[in-house]
Amino acid sequence: SFLFAGVVFLAASAAVVVNYRRGLLYRLGIPFTAGQIVLWYYLNFVAGPKAFPGDVGTLGAVDKVAQVLLVVVLALLARRE
């Protein structure tokens, strides 16, 4: 899922740079990014061996904060479109 998410983020970033249907990309990016957060939580803590929040780690916390901020920014951009 990490590789898939990376490819989608790169493709969407390239599409935004060339101004290809930005509003749609913003609106699709919100559930995609939120879904990544939910999938990470489920695979690691619900179905996995880790305990939340003790096993999140610094890198995991920074990554999730960045994803939450991305959702907020996408929502603001979608609203502005």
PDB file of N, CA and C in Angstrom:
ATOM      1  N   SER A   1       0.827  -1.195   0.000  1.00  0.00           N
ATOM      2  CA  SER A   1       0.000   0.000   0.000  1.00  0.00           C
ATOM      3  C   SER A   1       0.870   1.258   0.000  1.00  0.00           C
ATOM      4  N   PHE A   2       2.075   1.160   0.589  1.00  0.00           N
ATOM      5  CA  PHE A   2       2.971   2.313   0.621  1.00  0.00           C
ATOM      6  C   PHE A   2       3.391   2.714  -0.792  1.00  0.00           C
ATOM      7  N   LEU A   3       3.751   1.738  -1.612  1.00  0.00           N
ATOM      8  CA  LEU A   3       4.165   2.013  -2.987  1.00  0.00           C
ATOM      9  C   LEU A   3       3.003   2.585  -3.790  1.00  0.00           C
ATOM     10  N   PHE A   4       1.826   2.003  -3.644  1.00  0.00           N
ATOM     11  CA  PHE A   4       0.640   2.496  -4.341  1.00  0.00           C
ATOM     12  C   PHE A   4       0.353   3.949  -3.953  1.00  0.00           C
ATOM     13  N   ALA A   5       0.383   4.252  -2.670  1.00  0.00           N
ATOM     14  CA  ALA A   5       0.119   5.614  -2.204  1.00  0.00           C
ATOM     15  C   ALA A   5       1.153   6.589  -2.759  1.00  0.00           C
ATOM     16  N   GLY A   6       2.413   6.191  -2.774  1.00  0.00           N
ATOM     17  CA  GLY A   6       3.461   7.050  -3.308  1.00  0.00           C
ATOM     18  C   GLY A   6       3.265   7.365  -4.778  1.00  0.00           C
ATOM     19  N   VAL A   7       2.909   6.354  -5.557  1.00  0.00           N
ATOM     20  CA  VAL A   7       2.667   6.566  -6.992  1.00  0.00           C
ATOM     21  C   VAL A   7       1.471   7.489  -7.204  1.00  0.00           C
ATOM     22  N   VAL A   8       0.407   7.274  -6.452  1.00  0.00           N
ATOM     23  CA  VAL A   8      -0.782   8.128  -6.590  1.00  0.00           C
ATOM     24  C   VAL A   8      -0.468   9.557  -6.180  1.00  0.00           C
ATOM     25  N   PHE A   9       0.252   9.751  -5.085  1.00  0.00           N
ATOM     26  CA  PHE A   9       0.604  11.102  -4.660  1.00  0.00           C
ATOM     27  C   PHE A   9       1.471  11.801  -5.703  1.00  0.00           C
ATOM     28  N   LEU A  10       2.431  11.095  -6.287  1.00  0.00           N
ATOM     29  CA  LEU A  10       3.280  11.697  -7.323  1.00  0.00           C
ATOM     30  C   LEU A  10       2.477  12.035  -8.572  1.00  0.00           C
ATOM     31  N   ALA A  11       1.609  11.128  -9.004  1.00  0.00           N
ATOM     32  CA  ALA A  11       0.787  11.384 -10.193  1.00  0.00           C
ATOM     33  C   ALA A  11      -0.160  12.560  -9.955  1.00  0.00           C
ATOM     34  N   ALA A  12      -0.779  12.611  -8.781  1.00  0.00           N
ATOM     35  CA  ALA A  12      -1.688  13.710  -8.473  1.00  0.00           C
ATOM     36  C   ALA A  12      -0.934  15.030  -8.375  1.00  0.00           C
ATOM     37  N   SER A  13       0.259  15.010  -7.804  1.00  0.00           N
ATOM     38  CA  SER A  13       1.070  16.228  -7.714  1.00  0.00           C
ATOM     39  C   SER A  13       1.433  16.738  -9.108  1.00  0.00           C
ATOM     40  N   ALA A  14       1.800  15.826  -9.998  1.00  0.00           N
ATOM     41  CA  ALA A  14       2.122  16.216 -11.373  1.00  0.00           C
ATOM     42  C   ALA A  14       0.893  16.789 -12.070  1.00  0.00           C
ATOM     43  N   ALA A  15      -0.268  16.189 -11.825  1.00  0.00           N
ATOM     44  CA  ALA A  15      -1.500  16.695 -12.441  1.00  0.00           C
ATOM     45  C   ALA A  15      -1.850  18.087 -11.932  1.00  0.00           C
ATOM     46  N   VAL A  16      -1.618  18.348 -10.660  1.00  0.00           N
ATOM     47  CA  VAL A  16      -1.872  19.679 -10.108  1.00  0.00           C
ATOM     48  C   VAL A  16      -0.914  20.694 -10.719  1.00  0.00           C
ATOM     49  N   VAL A  17       0.345  20.314 -10.881  1.00  0.00           N
ATOM     50  CA  VAL A  17       1.351  21.225 -11.447  1.00  0.00           C
ATOM     51  C   VAL A  17       0.968  21.652 -12.866  1.00  0.00           C
ATOM     52  N   VAL A  18       0.435  20.727 -13.649  1.00  0.00           N
ATOM     53  CA  VAL A  18       0.040  21.066 -15.025  1.00  0.00           C
ATOM     54  C   VAL A  18      -1.402  21.561 -15.097  1.00  0.00           C
ATOM     55  N   ASN A  19      -2.011  21.788 -13.947  1.00  0.00           N
ATOM     56  CA  ASN A  19      -3.348  22.386 -13.850  1.00  0.00           C
ATOM     57  C   ASN A  19      -4.429  21.504 -14.466  1.00  0.00           C
ATOM     58  N   TYR A  20      -4.347  20.210 -14.237  1.00  0.00           N
ATOM     59  CA  TYR A  20      -5.328  19.269 -14.757  1.00  0.00           C
ATOM     60  C   TYR A  20      -6.404  18.997 -13.709  1.00  0.00           C
ATOM     61  N   ARG A  21      -7.571  19.556 -13.877  1.00  0.00           N
ATOM     62  CA  ARG A  21      -8.745  19.321 -13.034  1.00  0.00           C
ATOM     63  C   ARG A  21      -8.416  19.385 -11.545  1.00  0.00           C
ATOM     64  N   ARG A  22      -7.860  20.520 -11.160  1.00  0.00           N
ATOM     65  CA  ARG A  22      -7.413  20.678  -9.771  1.00  0.00           C
ATOM     66  C   ARG A  22      -8.505  20.449  -8.745  1.00  0.00           C
ATOM     67  N   GLY A  23      -9.678  21.014  -8.969  1.00  0.00           N
ATOM     68  CA  GLY A  23     -10.777  20.857  -8.008  1.00  0.00           C
ATOM     69  C   GLY A  23     -11.115  19.400  -7.758  1.00  0.00           C
ATOM     70  N   LEU A  24     -11.168  18.617  -8.827  1.00  0.00           N
ATOM     71  CA  LEU A  24     -11.449  17.191  -8.690  1.00  0.00           C
ATOM     72  C   LEU A  24     -10.328  16.487  -7.927  1.00  0.00           C
ATOM     73  N   LEU A  25      -9.095  16.840  -8.235  1.00  0.00           N
ATOM     74  CA  LEU A  25      -7.955  16.231  -7.532  1.00  0.00           C
ATOM     75  C   LEU A  25      -7.982  16.558  -6.043  1.00  0.00           C
ATOM     76  N   TYR A  26      -8.334  17.788  -5.710  1.00  0.00           N
ATOM     77  CA  TYR A  26      -8.429  18.168  -4.296  1.00  0.00           C
ATOM     78  C   TYR A  26      -9.507  17.332  -3.604  1.00  0.00           C
ATOM     79  N   ARG A  27     -10.672  17.219  -4.246  1.00  0.00           N
ATOM     80  CA  ARG A  27     -11.782  16.488  -3.625  1.00  0.00           C
ATOM     81  C   ARG A  27     -11.508  14.986  -3.534  1.00  0.00           C
ATOM     82  N   LEU A  28     -10.793  14.431  -4.492  1.00  0.00           N
ATOM     83  CA  LEU A  28     -10.436  13.015  -4.425  1.00  0.00           C
ATOM     84  C   LEU A  28      -9.295  12.760  -3.437  1.00  0.00           C
ATOM     85  N   GLY A  29      -8.434  13.749  -3.267  1.00  0.00           N
ATOM     86  CA  GLY A  29      -7.292  13.605  -2.363  1.00  0.00           C
ATOM     87  C   GLY A  29      -7.694  13.515  -0.904  1.00  0.00           C
ATOM     88  N   ILE A  30      -8.801  14.133  -0.553  1.00  0.00           N
ATOM     89  CA  ILE A  30      -9.246  14.123   0.846  1.00  0.00           C
ATOM     90  C   ILE A  30      -9.582  12.707   1.315  1.00  0.00           C
ATOM     91  N   PRO A  31     -10.497  11.984   0.646  1.00  0.00           N
ATOM     92  CA  PRO A  31     -10.786  10.619   1.128  1.00  0.00           C
ATOM     93  C   PRO A  31      -9.620   9.657   0.911  1.00  0.00           C
ATOM     94  N   PHE A  32      -8.808   9.897  -0.133  1.00  0.00           N
ATOM     95  CA  PHE A  32      -7.659   9.017  -0.358  1.00  0.00           C
ATOM     96  C   PHE A  32      -6.672   9.122   0.799  1.00  0.00           C
ATOM     97  N   THR A  33      -6.345  10.348   1.199  1.00  0.00           N
ATOM     98  CA  THR A  33      -5.393  10.552   2.287  1.00  0.00           C
ATOM     99  C   THR A  33      -5.985  10.103   3.624  1.00  0.00           C
ATOM    100  N   ALA A  34      -7.244  10.421   3.851  1.00  0.00           N
ATOM    101  CA  ALA A  34      -7.902   9.970   5.087  1.00  0.00           C
ATOM    102  C   ALA A  34      -7.955   8.447   5.133  1.00  0.00           C
ATOM    103  N   GLY A  35      -8.186   7.830   3.995  1.00  0.00           N
ATOM    104  CA  GLY A  35      -8.204   6.368   3.925  1.00  0.00           C
ATOM    105  C   GLY A  35      -6.855   5.767   4.258  1.00  0.00           C
ATOM    106  N   GLN A  36      -5.781   6.438   3.860  1.00  0.00           N
ATOM    107  CA  GLN A  36      -4.438   5.969   4.200  1.00  0.00           C
ATOM    108  C   GLN A  36      -4.231   5.984   5.720  1.00  0.00           C
ATOM    109  N   ILE A  37      -4.749   7.010   6.378  1.00  0.00           N
ATOM    110  CA  ILE A  37      -4.619   7.108   7.834  1.00  0.00           C
ATOM    111  C   ILE A  37      -5.398   5.969   8.509  1.00  0.00           C
ATOM    112  N   VAL A  38      -6.622   5.758   8.061  1.00  0.00           N
ATOM    113  CA  VAL A  38      -7.460   4.700   8.636  1.00  0.00           C
ATOM    114  C   VAL A  38      -6.830   3.332   8.383  1.00  0.00           C
ATOM    115  N   LEU A  39      -6.348   3.099   7.164  1.00  0.00           N
ATOM    116  CA  LEU A  39      -5.711   1.822   6.825  1.00  0.00           C
ATOM    117  C   LEU A  39      -4.465   1.589   7.675  1.00  0.00           C
ATOM    118  N   TRP A  40      -3.651   2.611   7.870  1.00  0.00           N
ATOM    119  CA  TRP A  40      -2.459   2.515   8.716  1.00  0.00           C
ATOM    120  C   TRP A  40      -2.849   2.125  10.145  1.00  0.00           C
ATOM    121  N   TYR A  41      -3.864   2.810  10.678  1.00  0.00           N
ATOM    122  CA  TYR A  41      -4.308   2.509  12.040  1.00  0.00           C
ATOM    123  C   TYR A  41      -4.826   1.076  12.137  1.00  0.00           C
ATOM    124  N   TYR A  42      -5.655   0.680  11.185  1.00  0.00           N
ATOM    125  CA  TYR A  42      -6.234  -0.657  11.231  1.00  0.00           C
ATOM    126  C   TYR A  42      -5.153  -1.738  11.134  1.00  0.00           C
ATOM    127  N   LEU A  43      -4.278  -1.622  10.142  1.00  0.00           N
ATOM    128  CA  LEU A  43      -3.266  -2.662   9.926  1.00  0.00           C
ATOM    129  C   LEU A  43      -2.255  -2.760  11.066  1.00  0.00           C
ATOM    130  N   ASN A  44      -1.944  -1.636  11.686  1.00  0.00           N
ATOM    131  CA  ASN A  44      -0.939  -1.638  12.743  1.00  0.00           C
ATOM    132  C   ASN A  44      -1.500  -1.897  14.134  1.00  0.00           C
ATOM    133  N   PHE A  45      -2.681  -1.392  14.416  1.00  0.00           N
ATOM    134  CA  PHE A  45      -3.155  -1.419  15.798  1.00  0.00           C
ATOM    135  C   PHE A  45      -4.399  -2.272  16.022  1.00  0.00           C
ATOM    136  N   VAL A  46      -5.286  -2.350  15.063  1.00  0.00           N
ATOM    137  CA  VAL A  46      -6.477  -3.174  15.236  1.00  0.00           C
ATOM    138  C   VAL A  46      -6.164  -4.626  14.874  1.00  0.00           C
ATOM    139  N   ALA A  47      -5.607  -4.816  13.679  1.00  0.00           N
ATOM    140  CA  ALA A  47      -5.315  -6.171  13.206  1.00  0.00           C
ATOM    141  C   ALA A  47      -3.861  -6.567  13.436  1.00  0.00           C
ATOM    142  N   GLY A  48      -3.056  -5.633  13.916  1.00  0.00           N
ATOM    143  CA  GLY A  48      -1.632  -5.910  14.105  1.00  0.00           C
ATOM    144  C   GLY A  48      -1.249  -6.046  15.563  1.00  0.00           C
ATOM    145  N   PRO A  49       0.020  -6.257  15.808  1.00  0.00           N
ATOM    146  CA  PRO A  49       0.491  -6.532  17.158  1.00  0.00           C
ATOM    147  C   PRO A  49       0.816  -5.281  17.996  1.00  0.00           C
ATOM    148  N   LYS A  50       0.704  -4.113  17.417  1.00  0.00           N
ATOM    149  CA  LYS A  50       1.129  -2.903  18.124  1.00  0.00           C
ATOM    150  C   LYS A  50       0.026  -2.339  18.999  1.00  0.00           C
ATOM    151  N   ALA A  51       0.450  -1.545  19.998  1.00  0.00           N
ATOM    152  CA  ALA A  51      -0.490  -0.879  20.904  1.00  0.00           C
ATOM    153  C   ALA A  51      -0.486   0.615  20.609  1.00  0.00           C
ATOM    154  N   PHE A  52      -1.680   1.190  20.541  1.00  0.00           N
ATOM    155  CA  PHE A  52      -1.806   2.630  20.298  1.00  0.00           C
ATOM    156  C   PHE A  52      -1.963   3.337  21.624  1.00  0.00           C
ATOM    157  N   PRO A  53      -1.315   4.432  21.887  1.00  0.00           N
ATOM    158  CA  PRO A  53      -0.385   5.198  21.069  1.00  0.00           C
ATOM    159  C   PRO A  53       1.079   4.878  21.337  1.00  0.00           C
ATOM    160  N   GLY A  54       1.346   3.958  22.232  1.00  0.00           N
ATOM    161  CA  GLY A  54       2.718   3.677  22.647  1.00  0.00           C
ATOM    162  C   GLY A  54       3.654   3.245  21.533  1.00  0.00           C
ATOM    163  N   ASP A  55       3.159   2.545  20.537  1.00  0.00           N
ATOM    164  CA  ASP A  55       4.009   2.025  19.470  1.00  0.00           C
ATOM    165  C   ASP A  55       3.971   2.850  18.185  1.00  0.00           C
ATOM    166  N   VAL A  56       3.465   4.055  18.239  1.00  0.00           N
ATOM    167  CA  VAL A  56       3.385   4.887  17.028  1.00  0.00           C
ATOM    168  C   VAL A  56       4.777   5.280  16.569  1.00  0.00           C
ATOM    169  N   GLY A  57       5.591   5.769  17.456  1.00  0.00           N
ATOM    170  CA  GLY A  57       6.943   6.191  17.106  1.00  0.00           C
ATOM    171  C   GLY A  57       6.973   7.596  16.529  1.00  0.00           C
ATOM    172  N   THR A  58       8.155   8.185  16.537  1.00  0.00           N
ATOM    173  CA  THR A  58       8.315   9.562  16.068  1.00  0.00           C
ATOM    174  C   THR A  58       8.015   9.691  14.581  1.00  0.00           C
ATOM    175  N   LEU A  59       8.592   8.805  13.778  1.00  0.00           N
ATOM    176  CA  LEU A  59       8.378   8.871  12.333  1.00  0.00           C
ATOM    177  C   LEU A  59       6.906   8.656  11.989  1.00  0.00           C
ATOM    178  N   GLY A  60       6.258   7.725  12.637  1.00  0.00           N
ATOM    179  CA  GLY A  60       4.836   7.481  12.403  1.00  0.00           C
ATOM    180  C   GLY A  60       3.991   8.685  12.777  1.00  0.00           C
ATOM    181  N   ALA A  61       4.319   9.314  13.890  1.00  0.00           N
ATOM    182  CA  ALA A  61       3.571  10.491  14.338  1.00  0.00           C
ATOM    183  C   ALA A  61       3.755  11.650  13.365  1.00  0.00           C
ATOM    184  N   VAL A  62       4.991  11.880  12.923  1.00  0.00           N
ATOM    185  CA  VAL A  62       5.265  12.968  11.972  1.00  0.00           C
ATOM    186  C   VAL A  62       4.519  12.709  10.660  1.00  0.00           C
ATOM    187  N   ASP A  63       4.537  11.472  10.199  1.00  0.00           N
ATOM    188  CA  ASP A  63       3.851  11.112   8.962  1.00  0.00           C
ATOM    189  C   ASP A  63       2.353  11.349   9.069  1.00  0.00           C
ATOM    190  N   LYS A  64       1.748  10.942  10.161  1.00  0.00           N
ATOM    191  CA  LYS A  64       0.299  11.104  10.320  1.00  0.00           C
ATOM    192  C   LYS A  64      -0.085  12.564  10.491  1.00  0.00           C
ATOM    193  N   VAL A  65       0.729  13.335  11.199  1.00  0.00           N
ATOM    194  CA  VAL A  65       0.462  14.776  11.319  1.00  0.00           C
ATOM    195  C   VAL A  65       0.528  15.418   9.935  1.00  0.00           C
ATOM    196  N   ALA A  66       1.506  15.040   9.131  1.00  0.00           N
ATOM    197  CA  ALA A  66       1.625  15.581   7.769  1.00  0.00           C
ATOM    198  C   ALA A  66       0.399  15.203   6.938  1.00  0.00           C
ATOM    199  N   GLN A  67      -0.084  13.988   7.087  1.00  0.00           N
ATOM    200  CA  GLN A  67      -1.268  13.575   6.328  1.00  0.00           C
ATOM    201  C   GLN A  67      -2.519  14.320   6.783  1.00  0.00           C
ATOM    202  N   VAL A  68      -2.666  14.531   8.076  1.00  0.00           N
ATOM    203  CA  VAL A  68      -3.814  15.301   8.571  1.00  0.00           C
ATOM    204  C   VAL A  68      -3.743  16.730   8.039  1.00  0.00           C
ATOM    205  N   LEU A  69      -2.553  17.324   8.056  1.00  0.00           N
ATOM    206  CA  LEU A  69      -2.393  18.674   7.507  1.00  0.00           C
ATOM    207  C   LEU A  69      -2.703  18.699   6.011  1.00  0.00           C
ATOM    208  N   LEU A  70      -2.318  17.661   5.288  1.00  0.00           N
ATOM    209  CA  LEU A  70      -2.638  17.581   3.866  1.00  0.00           C
ATOM    210  C   LEU A  70      -4.148  17.544   3.655  1.00  0.00           C
ATOM    211  N   VAL A  71      -4.865  16.800   4.465  1.00  0.00           N
ATOM    212  CA  VAL A  71      -6.328  16.755   4.354  1.00  0.00           C
ATOM    213  C   VAL A  71      -6.914  18.146   4.593  1.00  0.00           C
ATOM    214  N   VAL A  72      -6.414  18.858   5.591  1.00  0.00           N
ATOM    215  CA  VAL A  72      -6.899  20.212   5.890  1.00  0.00           C
ATOM    216  C   VAL A  72      -6.617  21.143   4.710  1.00  0.00           C
ATOM    217  N   VAL A  73      -5.409  21.101   4.175  1.00  0.00           N
ATOM    218  CA  VAL A  73      -5.048  21.956   3.051  1.00  0.00           C
ATOM    219  C   VAL A  73      -5.897  21.619   1.823  1.00  0.00           C
ATOM    220  N   LEU A  74      -6.095  20.335   1.543  1.00  0.00           N
ATOM    221  CA  LEU A  74      -6.932  19.944   0.414  1.00  0.00           C
ATOM    222  C   LEU A  74      -8.363  20.431   0.583  1.00  0.00           C
ATOM    223  N   ALA A  75      -8.886  20.354   1.807  1.00  0.00           N
ATOM    224  CA  ALA A  75     -10.239  20.830   2.069  1.00  0.00           C
ATOM    225  C   ALA A  75     -10.349  22.341   1.823  1.00  0.00           C
ATOM    226  N   LEU A  76      -9.346  23.077   2.270  1.00  0.00           N
ATOM    227  CA  LEU A  76      -9.345  24.520   2.039  1.00  0.00           C
ATOM    228  C   LEU A  76      -9.227  24.848   0.557  1.00  0.00           C
ATOM    229  N   LEU A  77      -8.379  24.135  -0.151  1.00  0.00           N
ATOM    230  CA  LEU A  77      -8.240  24.357  -1.584  1.00  0.00           C
ATOM    231  C   LEU A  77      -9.506  23.973  -2.342  1.00  0.00           C
ATOM    232  N   ALA A  78     -10.143  22.875  -1.969  1.00  0.00           N
ATOM    233  CA  ALA A  78     -11.382  22.451  -2.620  1.00  0.00           C
ATOM    234  C   ALA A  78     -12.482  23.469  -2.382  1.00  0.00           C
ATOM    235  N   ARG A  79     -12.520  24.011  -1.208  1.00  0.00           N
ATOM    236  CA  ARG A  79     -13.523  25.020  -0.871  1.00  0.00           C
ATOM    237  C   ARG A  79     -13.312  26.295  -1.671  1.00  0.00           C
ATOM    238  N   ARG A  80     -12.066  26.634  -1.937  1.00  0.00           N
ATOM    239  CA  ARG A  80     -11.712  27.838  -2.673  1.00  0.00           C
ATOM    240  C   ARG A  80     -12.002  27.701  -4.170  1.00  0.00           C
ATOM    241  N   GLU A  81     -11.961  26.488  -4.683  1.00  0.00           N
ATOM    242  CA  GLU A  81     -12.159  26.260  -6.137  1.00  0.00           C
ATOM    243  C   GLU A  81     -13.555  26.604  -6.573  1.00  0.00           C
TER     244      GLU A  81
END
